[in-house]
Amino acid sequence: MSKSIRGSGTFRYRCCCCEMEFTVTMPGASTCPRCSSIGGHELVESFPPEGPR
């Protein structure tokens, strides 16, 4: 079973500027839809959860 889809999953962030939570599919390229701040977002949860490396 070496079938893995790269970049699949959703990541839920909380903006540290306006406290809005939003979901993205590309971690690291998150922009808050409310105040348009880029970066500085707290990762609330990810699905599927990232396992230990």
N, C-alpha and C. Protein backbone atom coordinates (compact mmCIF):
# COMPACT_ATOMS: atom_id res chain seq x y z
N MET A 1 0.83 -1.21 0.00
CA MET A 1 0.00 0.00 0.00
C MET A 1 0.87 1.26 0.00
N SER A 2 1.29 1.67 -1.16
CA SER A 2 2.12 2.87 -1.23
C SER A 2 1.34 4.00 -1.89
N LYS A 3 0.02 3.90 -1.82
CA LYS A 3 -0.82 4.92 -2.43
C LYS A 3 -1.09 6.03 -1.43
N SER A 4 -0.44 7.16 -1.62
CA SER A 4 -0.67 8.28 -0.72
C SER A 4 -0.87 9.54 -1.55
N ILE A 5 -1.88 10.29 -1.18
CA ILE A 5 -2.16 11.53 -1.89
C ILE A 5 -1.47 12.66 -1.15
N ARG A 6 -0.54 13.31 -1.81
CA ARG A 6 0.21 14.37 -1.15
C ARG A 6 -0.64 15.64 -1.04
N GLY A 7 -0.54 16.28 0.09
CA GLY A 7 -1.24 17.54 0.27
C GLY A 7 -2.72 17.39 0.55
N SER A 8 -3.15 16.17 0.85
CA SER A 8 -4.57 15.98 1.14
C SER A 8 -4.83 16.20 2.62
N GLY A 9 -6.01 16.70 2.91
CA GLY A 9 -6.35 16.96 4.29
C GLY A 9 -6.75 18.41 4.48
N THR A 10 -7.29 18.69 5.64
CA THR A 10 -7.69 20.06 5.95
C THR A 10 -7.05 20.49 7.25
N PHE A 11 -6.78 21.77 7.35
CA PHE A 11 -6.10 22.32 8.52
C PHE A 11 -6.93 23.49 9.04
N ARG A 12 -7.26 23.44 10.32
CA ARG A 12 -8.08 24.49 10.91
C ARG A 12 -7.19 25.44 11.70
N TYR A 13 -7.25 26.70 11.34
CA TYR A 13 -6.42 27.72 11.98
C TYR A 13 -7.27 28.73 12.74
N ARG A 14 -6.67 29.35 13.74
CA ARG A 14 -7.30 30.48 14.42
C ARG A 14 -6.41 31.69 14.22
N CYS A 15 -7.01 32.77 13.74
CA CYS A 15 -6.25 33.99 13.49
C CYS A 15 -5.91 34.66 14.82
N CYS A 16 -4.65 35.09 14.96
CA CYS A 16 -4.25 35.71 16.21
C CYS A 16 -4.60 37.20 16.22
N CYS A 17 -5.06 37.71 15.08
CA CYS A 17 -5.42 39.13 15.01
C CYS A 17 -6.89 39.36 15.34
N CYS A 18 -7.76 38.55 14.76
CA CYS A 18 -9.20 38.79 14.96
C CYS A 18 -9.92 37.58 15.54
N GLU A 19 -9.17 36.53 15.90
CA GLU A 19 -9.74 35.36 16.57
C GLU A 19 -10.70 34.54 15.71
N MET A 20 -10.71 34.77 14.40
CA MET A 20 -11.59 33.99 13.55
C MET A 20 -10.95 32.65 13.25
N GLU A 21 -11.76 31.59 13.26
CA GLU A 21 -11.26 30.28 12.87
C GLU A 21 -11.66 30.01 11.44
N PHE A 22 -10.74 29.43 10.67
CA PHE A 22 -11.02 29.13 9.28
C PHE A 22 -10.27 27.87 8.88
N THR A 23 -10.70 27.25 7.80
CA THR A 23 -10.12 25.98 7.36
C THR A 23 -9.45 26.16 6.01
N VAL A 24 -8.25 25.61 5.88
CA VAL A 24 -7.53 25.66 4.62
C VAL A 24 -7.08 24.25 4.26
N THR A 25 -6.70 24.06 3.01
CA THR A 25 -6.21 22.76 2.56
C THR A 25 -4.72 22.79 2.30
N MET A 26 -4.12 23.98 2.35
CA MET A 26 -2.68 24.10 2.13
C MET A 26 -2.05 24.77 3.35
N PRO A 27 -1.38 23.99 4.20
CA PRO A 27 -0.74 24.59 5.37
C PRO A 27 0.41 25.49 4.95
N GLY A 28 0.57 26.61 5.63
CA GLY A 28 1.65 27.53 5.31
C GLY A 28 1.24 28.62 4.35
N ALA A 29 0.09 28.44 3.68
CA ALA A 29 -0.38 29.46 2.75
C ALA A 29 -1.71 30.00 3.23
N SER A 30 -1.84 30.14 4.54
CA SER A 30 -3.13 30.53 5.09
C SER A 30 -3.27 32.04 5.15
N THR A 31 -4.41 32.52 4.71
CA THR A 31 -4.74 33.94 4.81
C THR A 31 -6.10 34.07 5.48
N CYS A 32 -6.17 34.91 6.49
CA CYS A 32 -7.44 35.05 7.20
C CYS A 32 -8.48 35.71 6.31
N PRO A 33 -9.65 35.09 6.16
CA PRO A 33 -10.68 35.66 5.28
C PRO A 33 -11.31 36.93 5.85
N ARG A 34 -11.16 37.17 7.14
CA ARG A 34 -11.78 38.35 7.73
C ARG A 34 -10.86 39.57 7.69
N CYS A 35 -9.64 39.41 8.20
CA CYS A 35 -8.76 40.59 8.29
C CYS A 35 -7.58 40.50 7.33
N SER A 36 -7.51 39.42 6.54
CA SER A 36 -6.50 39.26 5.49
C SER A 36 -5.07 39.21 6.01
N SER A 37 -4.88 38.86 7.28
CA SER A 37 -3.52 38.70 7.77
C SER A 37 -2.95 37.39 7.25
N ILE A 38 -1.67 37.43 6.90
CA ILE A 38 -1.02 36.24 6.37
C ILE A 38 -0.04 35.73 7.40
N GLY A 39 -0.19 34.47 7.77
CA GLY A 39 0.70 33.88 8.75
C GLY A 39 0.31 34.30 10.17
N GLY A 40 1.03 33.77 11.13
CA GLY A 40 0.74 34.07 12.52
C GLY A 40 -0.54 33.44 13.01
N HIS A 41 -0.92 32.34 12.39
CA HIS A 41 -2.16 31.68 12.76
C HIS A 41 -1.86 30.44 13.59
N GLU A 42 -2.69 30.22 14.57
CA GLU A 42 -2.51 29.06 15.45
C GLU A 42 -3.25 27.87 14.86
N LEU A 43 -2.53 26.76 14.72
CA LEU A 43 -3.16 25.55 14.20
C LEU A 43 -4.04 24.94 15.28
N VAL A 44 -5.33 24.87 15.01
CA VAL A 44 -6.27 24.32 15.98
C VAL A 44 -6.33 22.80 15.84
N GLU A 45 -6.52 22.33 14.62
CA GLU A 45 -6.53 20.89 14.39
C GLU A 45 -6.28 20.61 12.92
N SER A 46 -5.87 19.39 12.63
CA SER A 46 -5.65 19.00 11.25
C SER A 46 -6.28 17.63 11.02
N PHE A 47 -6.75 17.42 9.82
CA PHE A 47 -7.33 16.14 9.47
C PHE A 47 -6.82 15.72 8.10
N PRO A 48 -6.26 14.54 7.94
CA PRO A 48 -6.06 13.59 9.04
C PRO A 48 -4.97 14.07 9.99
N PRO A 49 -5.02 13.67 11.26
CA PRO A 49 -4.01 14.12 12.21
C PRO A 49 -2.62 13.67 11.79
N GLU A 50 -1.66 14.55 11.95
CA GLU A 50 -0.29 14.20 11.57
C GLU A 50 0.30 13.26 12.62
N GLY A 51 0.79 12.14 12.16
CA GLY A 51 1.38 11.17 13.08
C GLY A 51 2.82 11.52 13.39
N PRO A 52 3.41 10.79 14.32
CA PRO A 52 4.82 11.02 14.66
C PRO A 52 5.73 10.65 13.50
N ARG A 53 6.82 11.40 13.37
CA ARG A 53 7.76 11.13 12.28
C ARG A 53 9.04 10.54 12.84
